[in-house]
Amino acid sequence: MRLVVDTNVLVSAFLWQGTPGRLIELAGGREIQLFTSRVLIDELAEVLQRKKLAKHVQHTGLTAAQMLVNFQKLATTVTARRLGQQVSRDVDDDDVLACALAAQAEFVVSGDADLLVLKHF
């Protein structure tokens, strides 16, 4: 199964495991394929560096940079082109959709209401 996982789900997976963490386990076991893009990697790097997450990152025993490197080892980075027109209510979420198109992903995994409202893309 080919997936693009939104930043909010990845952060939950890295910091709190749970159901989102299961996606990382499945990708590590090659049961699913994760895809990302340069824009999404940059966003993940920025979010993991946020001061409000510092204690949670520290609690994992890894640095934000190590988490990012580990994710990049699991995910295939694709070249995603900007969409011709805005699709999501939040223009930044179009980067997730563009990545999904470039990866020919079957699903986008997100907790973002601006993406969830789309249902199908």
Protein backbone atom coordinates (compact mmCIF):
# COMPACT_ATOMS: atom_id res chain seq x y z
CA MET A 1 0.00 0.00 0.00
CA ARG A 2 1.36 3.40 -1.01
CA LEU A 3 0.78 6.17 1.55
CA VAL A 4 1.58 9.81 2.10
CA VAL A 5 1.44 10.58 5.80
CA ASP A 6 0.76 14.19 6.78
CA THR A 7 3.09 15.93 9.20
CA ASN A 8 0.57 15.94 12.06
CA VAL A 9 0.34 12.15 11.98
CA LEU A 10 4.11 11.72 11.72
CA VAL A 11 4.69 13.93 14.74
CA SER A 12 2.16 11.87 16.70
CA ALA A 13 3.87 8.68 15.56
CA PHE A 14 7.33 9.84 16.58
CA LEU A 15 6.40 11.42 19.90
CA TRP A 16 3.46 9.39 21.18
CA GLN A 17 3.49 6.17 19.07
CA GLY A 18 -0.05 4.78 19.36
CA THR A 19 -1.98 4.11 16.16
CA PRO A 20 0.12 6.56 14.11
CA GLY A 21 3.24 4.80 15.35
CA ARG A 22 1.91 1.59 13.85
CA LEU A 23 2.34 3.14 10.39
CA ILE A 24 6.05 3.58 11.09
CA GLU A 25 6.28 -0.04 12.25
CA LEU A 26 4.51 -1.26 9.11
CA ALA A 27 6.83 0.81 6.91
CA GLY A 28 9.85 -0.56 8.76
CA GLY A 29 8.59 -4.07 8.07
CA ARG A 30 8.02 -3.18 4.40
CA GLU A 31 4.32 -3.92 4.76
CA ILE A 32 3.47 -0.44 3.46
CA GLN A 33 5.36 2.16 1.44
CA LEU A 34 5.64 5.71 2.68
CA PHE A 35 6.24 8.65 0.35
CA THR A 36 7.23 12.23 1.03
CA SER A 37 8.51 15.30 -0.78
CA ARG A 38 11.13 17.94 -0.06
CA VAL A 39 8.44 20.39 1.05
CA LEU A 40 6.95 17.88 3.47
CA ILE A 41 10.38 16.96 4.86
CA ASP A 42 11.12 20.65 5.45
CA GLU A 43 7.77 21.07 7.21
CA LEU A 44 8.42 18.04 9.42
CA ALA A 45 11.89 19.37 10.32
CA GLU A 46 10.39 22.74 11.29
CA VAL A 47 7.60 21.24 13.38
CA LEU A 48 9.92 18.88 15.27
CA GLN A 49 12.10 21.88 16.18
CA ARG A 50 9.23 23.80 17.79
CA LYS A 51 9.86 24.80 21.37
CA LYS A 52 6.51 23.43 22.54
CA LEU A 53 7.56 19.93 21.43
CA ALA A 54 11.11 20.03 22.85
CA LYS A 55 10.29 18.02 26.01
CA HIS A 56 8.44 15.39 24.00
CA VAL A 57 11.29 15.06 21.51
CA GLN A 58 13.82 14.80 24.34
CA HIS A 59 11.72 12.11 26.02
CA THR A 60 12.12 9.84 22.96
CA GLY A 61 15.90 9.73 23.41
CA LEU A 62 16.39 11.02 19.87
CA THR A 63 16.97 14.48 18.52
CA ALA A 64 14.62 16.04 16.01
CA ALA A 65 17.37 15.64 13.41
CA GLN A 66 17.68 11.92 14.16
CA MET A 67 13.92 11.45 13.83
CA LEU A 68 14.01 13.19 10.49
CA VAL A 69 16.88 11.03 9.22
CA ASN A 70 15.10 7.88 10.39
CA PHE A 71 11.95 8.93 8.56
CA GLN A 72 13.89 9.68 5.39
CA LYS A 73 15.32 6.16 5.52
CA LEU A 74 11.79 4.73 5.64
CA ALA A 75 10.11 6.98 3.09
CA THR A 76 10.73 7.43 -0.60
CA THR A 77 11.13 11.06 -1.57
CA VAL A 78 9.33 12.05 -4.75
CA THR A 79 9.46 15.23 -6.78
CA ALA A 80 6.06 16.82 -6.33
CA ARG A 81 4.93 19.60 -8.64
CA ARG A 82 2.59 22.31 -7.49
CA LEU A 83 -1.06 21.68 -8.29
CA GLY A 84 -2.50 23.76 -11.11
CA GLN A 85 -5.13 25.24 -8.84
CA GLN A 86 -5.82 25.27 -5.11
CA VAL A 87 -7.73 22.19 -3.98
CA SER A 88 -7.64 22.28 -0.18
CA ARG A 89 -9.09 25.05 1.96
CA ASP A 90 -5.53 25.55 3.28
CA VAL A 91 -3.13 26.12 0.41
CA ASP A 92 -0.28 24.51 2.41
CA ASP A 93 -2.20 21.24 2.41
CA ASP A 94 -1.99 21.16 -1.36
CA ASP A 95 1.66 20.13 -0.88
CA VAL A 96 0.41 16.89 0.68
CA LEU A 97 -1.93 16.31 -2.26
CA ALA A 98 0.82 17.11 -4.77
CA CYS A 99 3.07 14.55 -3.07
CA ALA A 100 0.29 11.96 -3.19
CA LEU A 101 -0.15 12.55 -6.93
CA ALA A 102 3.58 12.31 -7.60
CA ALA A 103 3.84 9.11 -5.54
CA GLN A 104 0.70 7.62 -7.05
CA ALA A 105 -0.34 7.03 -3.46
CA GLU A 106 -3.45 5.08 -2.65
CA PHE A 107 -4.15 7.06 0.52
CA VAL A 108 -3.23 10.20 2.40
CA VAL A 109 -3.18 9.71 6.16
CA SER A 110 -3.99 12.92 7.98
CA GLY A 111 -5.78 14.36 10.96
CA ASP A 112 -6.11 17.74 9.25
CA ALA A 113 -9.74 18.79 8.80
CA ASP A 114 -8.85 20.71 5.64
CA LEU A 115 -7.72 17.46 4.03
CA LEU A 116 -10.27 15.17 5.63
CA VAL A 117 -13.15 17.21 4.25
CA LEU A 118 -12.03 16.34 0.71
CA LYS A 119 -12.85 12.62 1.21
CA HIS A 120 -11.57 11.74 -2.30
CA PHE A 121 -8.95 13.42 -4.41
